[in-house]
């Protein structure tokens, strides 16, 4: 069963997507394998993360991301990849980090659902 999103939510996601970089889960998997400095941040809720996540993902939920990001990753040139359940919340979060001055922020299109559908490893 797919989640039905409200029109207002979809509108702000589309606006965010116009301002950010996105990648597929296959591109993310390759990037994580080739760049040990790349950081994957899972912006889902704590309960979602606890139920399963990508190996080595850092959990910073969308609710605290902006508050805590500068403490965890003070260098705005750090390559940050954001993942959520389906690519919507991560797009909003990526746009927010871009506004905060982060230069290499990418939202993972399809998110956790696309990752698991591809059969990639999980914890």
PDB file of N, CA and C in Angstrom:
ATOM      1  N   UNK A   1       0.843  -1.176   0.000  1.00  0.00           N
ATOM      2  CA  UNK A   1       0.000   0.000   0.000  1.00  0.00           C
ATOM      3  C   UNK A   1       0.890   1.241   0.000  1.00  0.00           C
ATOM      4  N   UNK A   2       0.681   2.121  -0.978  1.00  0.00           N
ATOM      5  CA  UNK A   2       1.520   3.304  -1.045  1.00  0.00           C
ATOM      6  C   UNK A   2       0.883   4.447  -0.261  1.00  0.00           C
ATOM      7  N   UNK A   3       1.732   5.283   0.253  1.00  0.00           N
ATOM      8  CA  UNK A   3       1.314   6.433   1.054  1.00  0.00           C
ATOM      9  C   UNK A   3       0.785   7.524   0.136  1.00  0.00           C
ATOM     10  N   UNK A   4      -0.368   8.073   0.469  1.00  0.00           N
ATOM     11  CA  UNK A   4      -0.931   9.193  -0.279  1.00  0.00           C
ATOM     12  C   UNK A   4      -0.500  10.486   0.417  1.00  0.00           C
ATOM     13  N   UNK A   5       0.218  11.318  -0.307  1.00  0.00           N
ATOM     14  CA  UNK A   5       0.685  12.584   0.267  1.00  0.00           C
ATOM     15  C   UNK A   5      -0.248  13.718  -0.122  1.00  0.00           C
ATOM     16  N   UNK A   6      -0.362  14.683   0.758  1.00  0.00           N
ATOM     17  CA  UNK A   6      -1.243  15.819   0.508  1.00  0.00           C
ATOM     18  C   UNK A   6      -0.647  16.730  -0.564  1.00  0.00           C
ATOM     19  N   UNK A   7      -1.503  17.445  -1.264  1.00  0.00           N
ATOM     20  CA  UNK A   7      -1.014  18.335  -2.325  1.00  0.00           C
ATOM     21  C   UNK A   7      -0.044  19.403  -1.825  1.00  0.00           C
ATOM     22  N   UNK A   8      -0.312  19.955  -0.655  1.00  0.00           N
ATOM     23  CA  UNK A   8       0.589  20.983  -0.116  1.00  0.00           C
ATOM     24  C   UNK A   8       1.977  20.439   0.163  1.00  0.00           C
ATOM     25  N   UNK A   9       2.027  19.237   0.717  1.00  0.00           N
ATOM     26  CA  UNK A   9       3.311  18.583   0.981  1.00  0.00           C
ATOM     27  C   UNK A   9       4.045  18.325  -0.326  1.00  0.00           C
ATOM     28  N   UNK A  10       3.356  17.770  -1.309  1.00  0.00           N
ATOM     29  CA  UNK A  10       3.984  17.481  -2.603  1.00  0.00           C
ATOM     30  C   UNK A  10       4.490  18.753  -3.276  1.00  0.00           C
ATOM     31  N   UNK A  11       3.785  19.849  -3.091  1.00  0.00           N
ATOM     32  CA  UNK A  11       4.201  21.127  -3.674  1.00  0.00           C
ATOM     33  C   UNK A  11       5.538  21.583  -3.087  1.00  0.00           C
ATOM     34  N   UNK A  12       5.680  21.517  -1.761  1.00  0.00           N
ATOM     35  CA  UNK A  12       6.956  21.984  -1.188  1.00  0.00           C
ATOM     36  C   UNK A  12       8.093  21.011  -1.492  1.00  0.00           C
ATOM     37  N   UNK A  13       7.790  19.732  -1.644  1.00  0.00           N
ATOM     38  CA  UNK A  13       8.820  18.779  -2.043  1.00  0.00           C
ATOM     39  C   UNK A  13       9.300  19.093  -3.457  1.00  0.00           C
ATOM     40  N   UNK A  14       8.375  19.368  -4.370  1.00  0.00           N
ATOM     41  CA  UNK A  14       8.756  19.704  -5.750  1.00  0.00           C
ATOM     42  C   UNK A  14       9.585  20.983  -5.780  1.00  0.00           C
ATOM     43  N   UNK A  15       9.231  21.958  -4.981  1.00  0.00           N
ATOM     44  CA  UNK A  15      10.008  23.195  -4.903  1.00  0.00           C
ATOM     45  C   UNK A  15      11.414  22.913  -4.392  1.00  0.00           C
ATOM     46  N   UNK A  16      11.526  22.060  -3.387  1.00  0.00           N
ATOM     47  CA  UNK A  16      12.844  21.700  -2.850  1.00  0.00           C
ATOM     48  C   UNK A  16      13.667  20.970  -3.906  1.00  0.00           C
ATOM     49  N   UNK A  17      13.041  20.039  -4.613  1.00  0.00           N
ATOM     50  CA  UNK A  17      13.757  19.256  -5.627  1.00  0.00           C
ATOM     51  C   UNK A  17      14.351  20.122  -6.736  1.00  0.00           C
ATOM     52  N   UNK A  18      13.753  21.275  -6.973  1.00  0.00           N
ATOM     53  CA  UNK A  18      14.283  22.175  -7.998  1.00  0.00           C
ATOM     54  C   UNK A  18      15.618  22.792  -7.574  1.00  0.00           C
ATOM     55  N   UNK A  19      15.930  22.709  -6.279  1.00  0.00           N
ATOM     56  CA  UNK A  19      17.125  23.364  -5.742  1.00  0.00           C
ATOM     57  C   UNK A  19      18.211  22.414  -5.253  1.00  0.00           C
ATOM     58  N   UNK A  20      17.990  21.118  -5.362  1.00  0.00           N
ATOM     59  CA  UNK A  20      18.927  20.160  -4.762  1.00  0.00           C
ATOM     60  C   UNK A  20      19.415  19.139  -5.772  1.00  0.00           C
ATOM     61  N   UNK A  21      20.443  18.402  -5.372  1.00  0.00           N
ATOM     62  CA  UNK A  21      20.921  17.252  -6.146  1.00  0.00           C
ATOM     63  C   UNK A  21      20.250  16.000  -5.609  1.00  0.00           C
ATOM     64  N   UNK A  22      19.968  15.069  -6.511  1.00  0.00           N
ATOM     65  CA  UNK A  22      19.414  13.779  -6.113  1.00  0.00           C
ATOM     66  C   UNK A  22      20.222  12.679  -6.778  1.00  0.00           C
ATOM     67  N   UNK A  23      20.212  11.506  -6.166  1.00  0.00           N
ATOM     68  CA  UNK A  23      20.867  10.346  -6.763  1.00  0.00           C
ATOM     69  C   UNK A  23      19.994   9.122  -6.543  1.00  0.00           C
ATOM     70  N   UNK A  24      20.250   8.098  -7.316  1.00  0.00           N
ATOM     71  CA  UNK A  24      19.539   6.830  -7.150  1.00  0.00           C
ATOM     72  C   UNK A  24      20.205   6.032  -6.035  1.00  0.00           C
ATOM     73  N   UNK A  25      19.556   4.972  -5.589  1.00  0.00           N
ATOM     74  CA  UNK A  25      20.170   4.117  -4.573  1.00  0.00           C
ATOM     75  C   UNK A  25      21.400   3.405  -5.135  1.00  0.00           C
ATOM     76  N   UNK A  26      21.399   3.084  -6.426  1.00  0.00           N
ATOM     77  CA  UNK A  26      22.575   2.455  -7.043  1.00  0.00           C
ATOM     78  C   UNK A  26      23.760   3.418  -7.019  1.00  0.00           C
ATOM     79  N   UNK A  27      23.501   4.688  -7.322  1.00  0.00           N
ATOM     80  CA  UNK A  27      24.571   5.695  -7.267  1.00  0.00           C
ATOM     81  C   UNK A  27      25.065   5.871  -5.835  1.00  0.00           C
ATOM     82  N   UNK A  28      24.145   5.865  -4.879  1.00  0.00           N
ATOM     83  CA  UNK A  28      24.541   5.972  -3.475  1.00  0.00           C
ATOM     84  C   UNK A  28      25.417   4.800  -3.075  1.00  0.00           C
ATOM     85  N   UNK A  29      25.011   3.599  -3.421  1.00  0.00           N
ATOM     86  CA  UNK A  29      25.779   2.408  -3.061  1.00  0.00           C
ATOM     87  C   UNK A  29      27.199   2.500  -3.618  1.00  0.00           C
ATOM     88  N   UNK A  30      27.332   2.914  -4.868  1.00  0.00           N
ATOM     89  CA  UNK A  30      28.654   3.083  -5.484  1.00  0.00           C
ATOM     90  C   UNK A  30      29.463   4.157  -4.775  1.00  0.00           C
ATOM     91  N   UNK A  31      28.827   5.274  -4.451  1.00  0.00           N
ATOM     92  CA  UNK A  31      29.514   6.386  -3.791  1.00  0.00           C
ATOM     93  C   UNK A  31      30.014   5.976  -2.406  1.00  0.00           C
ATOM     94  N   UNK A  32      29.178   5.281  -1.646  1.00  0.00           N
ATOM     95  CA  UNK A  32      29.595   4.849  -0.309  1.00  0.00           C
ATOM     96  C   UNK A  32      30.753   3.862  -0.381  1.00  0.00           C
ATOM     97  N   UNK A  33      30.775   3.043  -1.426  1.00  0.00           N
ATOM     98  CA  UNK A  33      31.862   2.073  -1.594  1.00  0.00           C
ATOM     99  C   UNK A  33      33.154   2.741  -2.044  1.00  0.00           C
ATOM    100  N   UNK A  34      33.055   3.827  -2.797  1.00  0.00           N
ATOM    101  CA  UNK A  34      34.253   4.446  -3.371  1.00  0.00           C
ATOM    102  C   UNK A  34      34.789   5.641  -2.586  1.00  0.00           C
ATOM    103  N   UNK A  35      33.972   6.232  -1.732  1.00  0.00           N
ATOM    104  CA  UNK A  35      34.391   7.428  -1.000  1.00  0.00           C
ATOM    105  C   UNK A  35      34.189   7.227   0.494  1.00  0.00           C
ATOM    106  N   UNK A  36      35.258   6.863   1.208  1.00  0.00           N
ATOM    107  CA  UNK A  36      35.107   6.605   2.649  1.00  0.00           C
ATOM    108  C   UNK A  36      34.730   7.847   3.459  1.00  0.00           C
ATOM    109  N   UNK A  37      34.859   9.030   2.886  1.00  0.00           N
ATOM    110  CA  UNK A  37      34.494  10.253   3.601  1.00  0.00           C
ATOM    111  C   UNK A  37      33.027  10.641   3.407  1.00  0.00           C
ATOM    112  N   UNK A  38      32.350  10.004   2.463  1.00  0.00           N
ATOM    113  CA  UNK A  38      30.940  10.311   2.235  1.00  0.00           C
ATOM    114  C   UNK A  38      30.115   9.875   3.447  1.00  0.00           C
ATOM    115  N   UNK A  39      29.155  10.685   3.806  1.00  0.00           N
ATOM    116  CA  UNK A  39      28.328  10.436   4.985  1.00  0.00           C
ATOM    117  C   UNK A  39      26.883  10.212   4.549  1.00  0.00           C
ATOM    118  N   UNK A  40      26.308   9.109   5.005  1.00  0.00           N
ATOM    119  CA  UNK A  40      24.891   8.848   4.768  1.00  0.00           C
ATOM    120  C   UNK A  40      24.136   9.163   6.043  1.00  0.00           C
ATOM    121  N   UNK A  41      23.210  10.103   5.944  1.00  0.00           N
ATOM    122  CA  UNK A  41      22.387  10.484   7.083  1.00  0.00           C
ATOM    123  C   UNK A  41      20.967  10.012   6.824  1.00  0.00           C
ATOM    124  N   UNK A  42      20.452   9.221   7.742  1.00  0.00           N
ATOM    125  CA  UNK A  42      19.080   8.736   7.682  1.00  0.00           C
ATOM    126  C   UNK A  42      18.232   9.727   8.466  1.00  0.00           C
ATOM    127  N   UNK A  43      17.314  10.407   7.768  1.00  0.00           N
ATOM    128  CA  UNK A  43      16.516  11.454   8.408  1.00  0.00           C
ATOM    129  C   UNK A  43      15.140  10.968   8.855  1.00  0.00           C
ATOM    130  N   UNK A  44      14.928   9.645   8.794  1.00  0.00           N
ATOM    131  CA  UNK A  44      13.643   9.095   9.236  1.00  0.00           C
ATOM    132  C   UNK A  44      13.505   9.203  10.757  1.00  0.00           C
ATOM    133  N   UNK A  45      12.336   8.907  11.237  1.00  0.00           N
ATOM    134  CA  UNK A  45      12.088   8.912  12.679  1.00  0.00           C
ATOM    135  C   UNK A  45      12.878   7.798  13.355  1.00  0.00           C
ATOM    136  N   UNK A  46      13.113   7.949  14.646  1.00  0.00           N
ATOM    137  CA  UNK A  46      13.898   6.977  15.408  1.00  0.00           C
ATOM    138  C   UNK A  46      13.338   5.564  15.287  1.00  0.00           C
ATOM    139  N   UNK A  47      12.013   5.425  15.348  1.00  0.00           N
ATOM    140  CA  UNK A  47      11.405   4.096  15.262  1.00  0.00           C
ATOM    141  C   UNK A  47      11.629   3.470  13.887  1.00  0.00           C
ATOM    142  N   UNK A  48      11.613   4.271  12.829  1.00  0.00           N
ATOM    143  CA  UNK A  48      11.873   3.762  11.485  1.00  0.00           C
ATOM    144  C   UNK A  48      13.322   3.288  11.364  1.00  0.00           C
ATOM    145  N   UNK A  49      14.238   4.090  11.886  1.00  0.00           N
ATOM    146  CA  UNK A  49      15.658   3.745  11.845  1.00  0.00           C
ATOM    147  C   UNK A  49      15.921   2.468  12.643  1.00  0.00           C
ATOM    148  N   UNK A  50      15.305   2.361  13.820  1.00  0.00           N
ATOM    149  CA  UNK A  50      15.503   1.187  14.670  1.00  0.00           C
ATOM    150  C   UNK A  50      14.982  -0.084  14.011  1.00  0.00           C
ATOM    151  N   UNK A  51      13.967   0.038  13.191  1.00  0.00           N
ATOM    152  CA  UNK A  51      13.387  -1.131  12.513  1.00  0.00           C
ATOM    153  C   UNK A  51      14.278  -1.651  11.388  1.00  0.00           C
ATOM    154  N   UNK A  52      15.191  -0.830  10.909  1.00  0.00           N
ATOM    155  CA  UNK A  52      16.118  -1.232   9.858  1.00  0.00           C
ATOM    156  C   UNK A  52      16.709  -0.022   9.185  1.00  0.00           C
ATOM    157  N   UNK A  53      17.984  -0.140   8.814  1.00  0.00           N
ATOM    158  CA  UNK A  53      18.651   0.980   8.157  1.00  0.00           C
ATOM    159  C   UNK A  53      19.824   0.490   7.311  1.00  0.00           C
ATOM    160  N   UNK A  54      20.368   1.390   6.532  1.00  0.00           N
ATOM    161  CA  UNK A  54      21.529   1.100   5.694  1.00  0.00           C
ATOM    162  C   UNK A  54      22.748   0.982   6.606  1.00  0.00           C
ATOM    163  N   UNK A  55      23.617  -0.016   6.371  1.00  0.00           N
ATOM    164  CA  UNK A  55      24.813  -0.140   7.193  1.00  0.00           C
ATOM    165  C   UNK A  55      25.621   1.169   7.209  1.00  0.00           C
ATOM    166  N   UNK A  56      26.106   1.521   8.369  1.00  0.00           N
ATOM    167  CA  UNK A  56      26.935   2.714   8.607  1.00  0.00           C
ATOM    168  C   UNK A  56      26.200   4.040   8.456  1.00  0.00           C
ATOM    169  N   UNK A  57      24.891   4.008   8.315  1.00  0.00           N
ATOM    170  CA  UNK A  57      24.130   5.259   8.245  1.00  0.00           C
ATOM    171  C   UNK A  57      24.141   5.929   9.615  1.00  0.00           C
ATOM    172  N   UNK A  58      24.174   7.242   9.594  1.00  0.00           N
ATOM    173  CA  UNK A  58      24.095   8.054  10.801  1.00  0.00           C
ATOM    174  C   UNK A  58      22.638   8.487  10.941  1.00  0.00           C
ATOM    175  N   UNK A  59      22.098   8.384  12.145  1.00  0.00           N
ATOM    176  CA  UNK A  59      20.713   8.797  12.335  1.00  0.00           C
ATOM    177  C   UNK A  59      20.638  10.220  12.875  1.00  0.00           C
ATOM    178  N   UNK A  60      20.066  11.097  12.087  1.00  0.00           N
ATOM    179  CA  UNK A  60      19.717  12.452  12.514  1.00  0.00           C
ATOM    180  C   UNK A  60      18.344  12.724  11.913  1.00  0.00           C
ATOM    181  N   UNK A  61      17.312  12.537  12.674  1.00  0.00           N
ATOM    182  CA  UNK A  61      15.961  12.679  12.123  1.00  0.00           C
ATOM    183  C   UNK A  61      15.731  14.104  11.636  1.00  0.00           C
ATOM    184  N   UNK A  62      14.808  14.215  10.713  1.00  0.00           N
ATOM    185  CA  UNK A  62      14.502  15.512  10.124  1.00  0.00           C
ATOM    186  C   UNK A  62      14.148  16.540  11.194  1.00  0.00           C
ATOM    187  N   UNK A  63      13.580  16.093  12.292  1.00  0.00           N
ATOM    188  CA  UNK A  63      13.193  17.007  13.363  1.00  0.00           C
ATOM    189  C   UNK A  63      14.346  17.669  14.088  1.00  0.00           C
ATOM    190  N   UNK A  64      15.535  17.050  14.053  1.00  0.00           N
ATOM    191  CA  UNK A  64      16.692  17.626  14.757  1.00  0.00           C
ATOM    192  C   UNK A  64      17.870  17.909  13.838  1.00  0.00           C
ATOM    193  N   UNK A  65      17.725  17.612  12.584  1.00  0.00           N
ATOM    194  CA  UNK A  65      18.838  17.722  11.638  1.00  0.00           C
ATOM    195  C   UNK A  65      19.480  19.103  11.638  1.00  0.00           C
ATOM    196  N   UNK A  66      18.696  20.126  11.426  1.00  0.00           N
ATOM    197  CA  UNK A  66      19.245  21.483  11.346  1.00  0.00           C
ATOM    198  C   UNK A  66      19.876  21.911  12.675  1.00  0.00           C
ATOM    199  N   UNK A  67      19.309  21.457  13.767  1.00  0.00           N
ATOM    200  CA  UNK A  67      19.834  21.809  15.081  1.00  0.00           C
ATOM    201  C   UNK A  67      21.205  21.196  15.325  1.00  0.00           C
ATOM    202  N   UNK A  68      21.399  19.940  14.887  1.00  0.00           N
ATOM    203  CA  UNK A  68      22.602  19.198  15.254  1.00  0.00           C
ATOM    204  C   UNK A  68      23.651  19.041  14.158  1.00  0.00           C
ATOM    205  N   UNK A  69      23.327  19.381  12.925  1.00  0.00           N
ATOM    206  CA  UNK A  69      24.232  19.099  11.812  1.00  0.00           C
ATOM    207  C   UNK A  69      25.584  19.804  11.940  1.00  0.00           C
ATOM    208  N   UNK A  70      25.591  21.049  12.369  1.00  0.00           N
ATOM    209  CA  UNK A  70      26.845  21.800  12.435  1.00  0.00           C
ATOM    210  C   UNK A  70      27.786  21.267  13.513  1.00  0.00           C
ATOM    211  N   UNK A  71      27.222  20.683  14.557  1.00  0.00           N
ATOM    212  CA  UNK A  71      28.047  20.068  15.591  1.00  0.00           C
ATOM    213  C   UNK A  71      28.660  18.772  15.074  1.00  0.00           C
ATOM    214  N   UNK A  72      27.856  17.964  14.392  1.00  0.00           N
ATOM    215  CA  UNK A  72      28.329  16.673  13.883  1.00  0.00           C
ATOM    216  C   UNK A  72      29.234  16.819  12.673  1.00  0.00           C
ATOM    217  N   UNK A  73      28.888  17.740  11.772  1.00  0.00           N
ATOM    218  CA  UNK A  73      29.626  17.929  10.514  1.00  0.00           C
ATOM    219  C   UNK A  73      29.844  19.424  10.281  1.00  0.00           C
ATOM    220  N   UNK A  74      30.846  19.978  10.958  1.00  0.00           N
ATOM    221  CA  UNK A  74      31.055  21.430  10.863  1.00  0.00           C
ATOM    222  C   UNK A  74      31.587  21.892   9.500  1.00  0.00           C
ATOM    223  N   UNK A  75      32.201  20.998   8.741  1.00  0.00           N
ATOM    224  CA  UNK A  75      32.757  21.377   7.445  1.00  0.00           C
ATOM    225  C   UNK A  75      31.640  21.371   6.400  1.00  0.00           C
ATOM    226  N   UNK A  76      31.283  22.536   5.853  1.00  0.00           N
ATOM    227  CA  UNK A  76      30.188  22.594   4.890  1.00  0.00           C
ATOM    228  C   UNK A  76      30.490  21.931   3.547  1.00  0.00           C
ATOM    229  N   UNK A  77      31.728  21.492   3.348  1.00  0.00           N
ATOM    230  CA  UNK A  77      32.055  20.799   2.093  1.00  0.00           C
ATOM    231  C   UNK A  77      31.988  19.276   2.240  1.00  0.00           C
ATOM    232  N   UNK A  78      31.584  18.783   3.405  1.00  0.00           N
ATOM    233  CA  UNK A  78      31.420  17.342   3.602  1.00  0.00           C
ATOM    234  C   UNK A  78      30.347  16.811   2.662  1.00  0.00           C
ATOM    235  N   UNK A  79      30.637  15.691   2.007  1.00  0.00           N
ATOM    236  CA  UNK A  79      29.646  15.068   1.118  1.00  0.00           C
ATOM    237  C   UNK A  79      28.597  14.370   1.978  1.00  0.00           C
ATOM    238  N   UNK A  80      27.379  14.904   1.961  1.00  0.00           N
ATOM    239  CA  UNK A  80      26.279  14.381   2.761  1.00  0.00           C
ATOM    240  C   UNK A  80      25.203  13.820   1.848  1.00  0.00           C
ATOM    241  N   UNK A  81      24.799  12.589   2.116  1.00  0.00           N
ATOM    242  CA  UNK A  81      23.714  11.937   1.391  1.00  0.00           C
ATOM    243  C   UNK A  81      22.582  11.723   2.384  1.00  0.00           C
ATOM    244  N   UNK A  82      21.387  12.163   2.031  1.00  0.00           N
ATOM    245  CA  UNK A  82      20.250  12.081   2.940  1.00  0.00           C
ATOM    246  C   UNK A  82      19.249  11.067   2.433  1.00  0.00           C
ATOM    247  N   UNK A  83      18.802  10.199   3.345  1.00  0.00           N
ATOM    248  CA  UNK A  83      17.874   9.139   2.997  1.00  0.00           C
ATOM    249  C   UNK A  83      16.698   9.167   3.960  1.00  0.00           C
ATOM    250  N   UNK A  84      15.497   8.994   3.407  1.00  0.00           N
ATOM    251  CA  UNK A  84      14.296   8.858   4.233  1.00  0.00           C
ATOM    252  C   UNK A  84      13.535   7.646   3.728  1.00  0.00           C
ATOM    253  N   UNK A  85      12.260   7.579   3.963  1.00  0.00           N
ATOM    254  CA  UNK A  85      11.482   6.424   3.544  1.00  0.00           C
ATOM    255  C   UNK A  85      11.278   6.325   2.047  1.00  0.00           C
ATOM    256  N   UNK A  86      11.040   7.461   1.386  1.00  0.00           N
ATOM    257  CA  UNK A  86      10.748   7.419  -0.041  1.00  0.00           C
ATOM    258  C   UNK A  86      11.361   8.536  -0.864  1.00  0.00           C
ATOM    259  N   UNK A  87      12.114   9.426  -0.229  1.00  0.00           N
ATOM    260  CA  UNK A  87      12.782  10.497  -0.962  1.00  0.00           C
ATOM    261  C   UNK A  87      12.127  11.860  -0.836  1.00  0.00           C
ATOM    262  N   UNK A  88      11.075  11.948  -0.056  1.00  0.00           N
ATOM    263  CA  UNK A  88      10.383  13.224   0.105  1.00  0.00           C
ATOM    264  C   UNK A  88      10.986  14.048   1.254  1.00  0.00           C
ATOM    265  N   UNK A  89      11.029  13.451   2.442  1.00  0.00           N
ATOM    266  CA  UNK A  89      11.593  14.170   3.587  1.00  0.00           C
ATOM    267  C   UNK A  89      13.063  14.494   3.363  1.00  0.00           C
ATOM    268  N   UNK A  90      13.783  13.583   2.698  1.00  0.00           N
ATOM    269  CA  UNK A  90      15.205  13.841   2.442  1.00  0.00           C
ATOM    270  C   UNK A  90      15.390  15.008   1.480  1.00  0.00           C
ATOM    271  N   UNK A  91      14.470  15.187   0.540  1.00  0.00           N
ATOM    272  CA  UNK A  91      14.550  16.339  -0.370  1.00  0.00           C
ATOM    273  C   UNK A  91      14.363  17.638   0.410  1.00  0.00           C
ATOM    274  N   UNK A  92      13.384  17.654   1.307  1.00  0.00           N
ATOM    275  CA  UNK A  92      13.162  18.843   2.130  1.00  0.00           C
ATOM    276  C   UNK A  92      14.377  19.119   3.023  1.00  0.00           C
ATOM    277  N   UNK A  93      14.927  18.066   3.606  1.00  0.00           N
ATOM    278  CA  UNK A  93      16.089  18.208   4.486  1.00  0.00           C
ATOM    279  C   UNK A  93      17.306  18.687   3.692  1.00  0.00           C
ATOM    280  N   UNK A  94      17.492  18.162   2.493  1.00  0.00           N
ATOM    281  CA  UNK A  94      18.628  18.578   1.660  1.00  0.00           C
ATOM    282  C   UNK A  94      18.523  20.060   1.318  1.00  0.00           C
ATOM    283  N   UNK A  95      17.326  20.516   1.002  1.00  0.00           N
ATOM    284  CA  UNK A  95      17.138  21.933   0.688  1.00  0.00           C
ATOM    285  C   UNK A  95      17.443  22.795   1.905  1.00  0.00           C
ATOM    286  N   UNK A  96      17.046  22.328   3.062  1.00  0.00           N
ATOM    287  CA  UNK A  96      17.318  23.064   4.289  1.00  0.00           C
ATOM    288  C   UNK A  96      18.824  23.169   4.554  1.00  0.00           C
ATOM    289  N   UNK A  97      19.546  22.053   4.381  1.00  0.00           N
ATOM    290  CA  UNK A  97      20.998  22.083   4.597  1.00  0.00           C
ATOM    291  C   UNK A  97      21.693  22.955   3.558  1.00  0.00           C
ATOM    292  N   UNK A  98      21.170  22.940   2.338  1.00  0.00           N
ATOM    293  CA  UNK A  98      21.718  23.817   1.298  1.00  0.00           C
ATOM    294  C   UNK A  98      21.585  25.273   1.736  1.00  0.00           C
ATOM    295  N   UNK A  99      20.436  25.623   2.291  1.00  0.00           N
ATOM    296  CA  UNK A  99      20.215  26.985   2.762  1.00  0.00           C
ATOM    297  C   UNK A  99      21.144  27.340   3.920  1.00  0.00           C
ATOM    298  N   UNK A 100      21.577  26.319   4.672  1.00  0.00           N
ATOM    299  CA  UNK A 100      22.498  26.543   5.792  1.00  0.00           C
ATOM    300  C   UNK A 100      23.948  26.655   5.335  1.00  0.00           C
ATOM    301  N   UNK A 101      24.188  26.446   4.042  1.00  0.00           N
ATOM    302  CA  UNK A 101      25.537  26.618   3.513  1.00  0.00           C
ATOM    303  C   UNK A 101      26.279  25.339   3.193  1.00  0.00           C
ATOM    304  N   UNK A 102      25.632  24.190   3.332  1.00  0.00           N
ATOM    305  CA  UNK A 102      26.285  22.927   2.974  1.00  0.00           C
ATOM    306  C   UNK A 102      26.331  22.822   1.450  1.00  0.00           C
ATOM    307  N   UNK A 103      27.502  22.461   0.948  1.00  0.00           N
ATOM    308  CA  UNK A 103      27.774  22.543  -0.483  1.00  0.00           C
ATOM    309  C   UNK A 103      27.590  21.243  -1.247  1.00  0.00           C
ATOM    310  N   UNK A 104      27.667  20.113  -0.567  1.00  0.00           N
ATOM    311  CA  UNK A 104      27.579  18.812  -1.236  1.00  0.00           C
ATOM    312  C   UNK A 104      26.522  17.946  -0.563  1.00  0.00           C
ATOM    313  N   UNK A 105      25.285  18.340  -0.726  1.00  0.00           N
ATOM    314  CA  UNK A 105      24.178  17.612  -0.123  1.00  0.00           C
ATOM    315  C   UNK A 105      23.362  16.974  -1.242  1.00  0.00           C
ATOM    316  N   UNK A 106      23.093  15.680  -1.096  1.00  0.00           N
ATOM    317  CA  UNK A 106      22.339  14.938  -2.105  1.00  0.00           C
ATOM    318  C   UNK A 106      21.239  14.144  -1.423  1.00  0.00           C
ATOM    319  N   UNK A 107      20.042  14.244  -1.970  1.00  0.00           N
ATOM    320  CA  UNK A 107      18.909  13.461  -1.489  1.00  0.00           C
ATOM    321  C   UNK A 107      18.854  12.158  -2.282  1.00  0.00           C
ATOM    322  N   UNK A 108      18.578  11.067  -1.591  1.00  0.00           N
ATOM    323  CA  UNK A 108      18.498   9.762  -2.243  1.00  0.00           C
ATOM    324  C   UNK A 108      17.067   9.531  -2.713  1.00  0.00           C
ATOM    325  N   UNK A 109      16.885   9.544  -4.024  1.00  0.00           N
ATOM    326  CA  UNK A 109      15.566   9.368  -4.620  1.00  0.00           C
ATOM    327  C   UNK A 109      15.061   7.950  -4.353  1.00  0.00           C
ATOM    328  N   UNK A 110      13.855   7.846  -3.855  1.00  0.00           N
ATOM    329  CA  UNK A 110      13.267   6.536  -3.547  1.00  0.00           C
ATOM    330  C   UNK A 110      13.546   6.060  -2.142  1.00  0.00           C
ATOM    331  N   UNK A 111      14.582   6.599  -1.513  1.00  0.00           N
ATOM    332  CA  UNK A 111      14.886   6.343  -0.112  1.00  0.00           C
ATOM    333  C   UNK A 111      14.995   4.881   0.301  1.00  0.00           C
ATOM    334  N   UNK A 112      14.601   4.627   1.531  1.00  0.00           N
ATOM    335  CA  UNK A 112      14.687   3.296   2.138  1.00  0.00           C
ATOM    336  C   UNK A 112      13.929   2.261   1.314  1.00  0.00           C
ATOM    337  N   UNK A 113      12.766   2.639   0.797  1.00  0.00           N
ATOM    338  CA  UNK A 113      11.973   1.703   0.003  1.00  0.00           C
ATOM    339  C   UNK A 113      12.757   1.254  -1.229  1.00  0.00           C
ATOM    340  N   UNK A 114      13.364   2.178  -1.937  1.00  0.00           N
ATOM    341  CA  UNK A 114      14.138   1.825  -3.134  1.00  0.00           C
ATOM    342  C   UNK A 114      15.366   0.993  -2.760  1.00  0.00           C
ATOM    343  N   UNK A 115      15.996   1.327  -1.633  1.00  0.00           N
ATOM    344  CA  UNK A 115      17.171   0.581  -1.176  1.00  0.00           C
ATOM    345  C   UNK A 115      16.797  -0.888  -0.906  1.00  0.00           C
ATOM    346  N   UNK A 116      15.731  -1.085  -0.155  1.00  0.00           N
ATOM    347  CA  UNK A 116      15.326  -2.465   0.175  1.00  0.00           C
ATOM    348  C   UNK A 116      14.767  -3.190  -1.049  1.00  0.00           C
ATOM    349  N   UNK A 117      14.037  -2.482  -1.899  1.00  0.00           N
ATOM    350  CA  UNK A 117      13.525  -3.108  -3.121  1.00  0.00           C
ATOM    351  C   UNK A 117      14.651  -3.599  -4.024  1.00  0.00           C
ATOM    352  N   UNK A 118      15.803  -2.898  -3.969  1.00  0.00           N
ATOM    353  CA  UNK A 118      16.969  -3.293  -4.766  1.00  0.00           C
ATOM    354  C   UNK A 118      17.704  -4.473  -4.152  1.00  0.00           C
ATOM    355  N   UNK A 119      17.331  -4.833  -2.916  1.00  0.00           N
ATOM    356  CA  UNK A 119      17.970  -5.957  -2.255  1.00  0.00           C
ATOM    357  C   UNK A 119      19.327  -5.640  -1.664  1.00  0.00           C
ATOM    358  N   UNK A 120      19.599  -4.360  -1.449  1.00  0.00           N
ATOM    359  CA  UNK A 120      20.879  -3.946  -0.867  1.00  0.00           C
ATOM    360  C   UNK A 120      20.914  -4.273   0.622  1.00  0.00           C
ATOM    361  N   UNK A 121      22.117  -4.363   1.202  1.00  0.00           N
ATOM    362  CA  UNK A 121      22.247  -4.777   2.612  1.00  0.00           C
ATOM    363  C   UNK A 121      21.582  -3.806   3.586  1.00  0.00           C
ATOM    364  N   UNK A 122      21.067  -4.370   4.651  1.00  0.00           N
ATOM    365  CA  UNK A 122      20.445  -3.584   5.723  1.00  0.00           C
ATOM    366  C   UNK A 122      20.896  -4.112   7.071  1.00  0.00           C
ATOM    367  N   UNK A 123      20.710  -3.299   8.073  1.00  0.00           N
ATOM    368  CA  UNK A 123      21.003  -3.678   9.447  1.00  0.00           C
ATOM    369  C   UNK A 123      19.691  -3.690  10.205  1.00  0.00           C
TER     370      UNK A 123
END
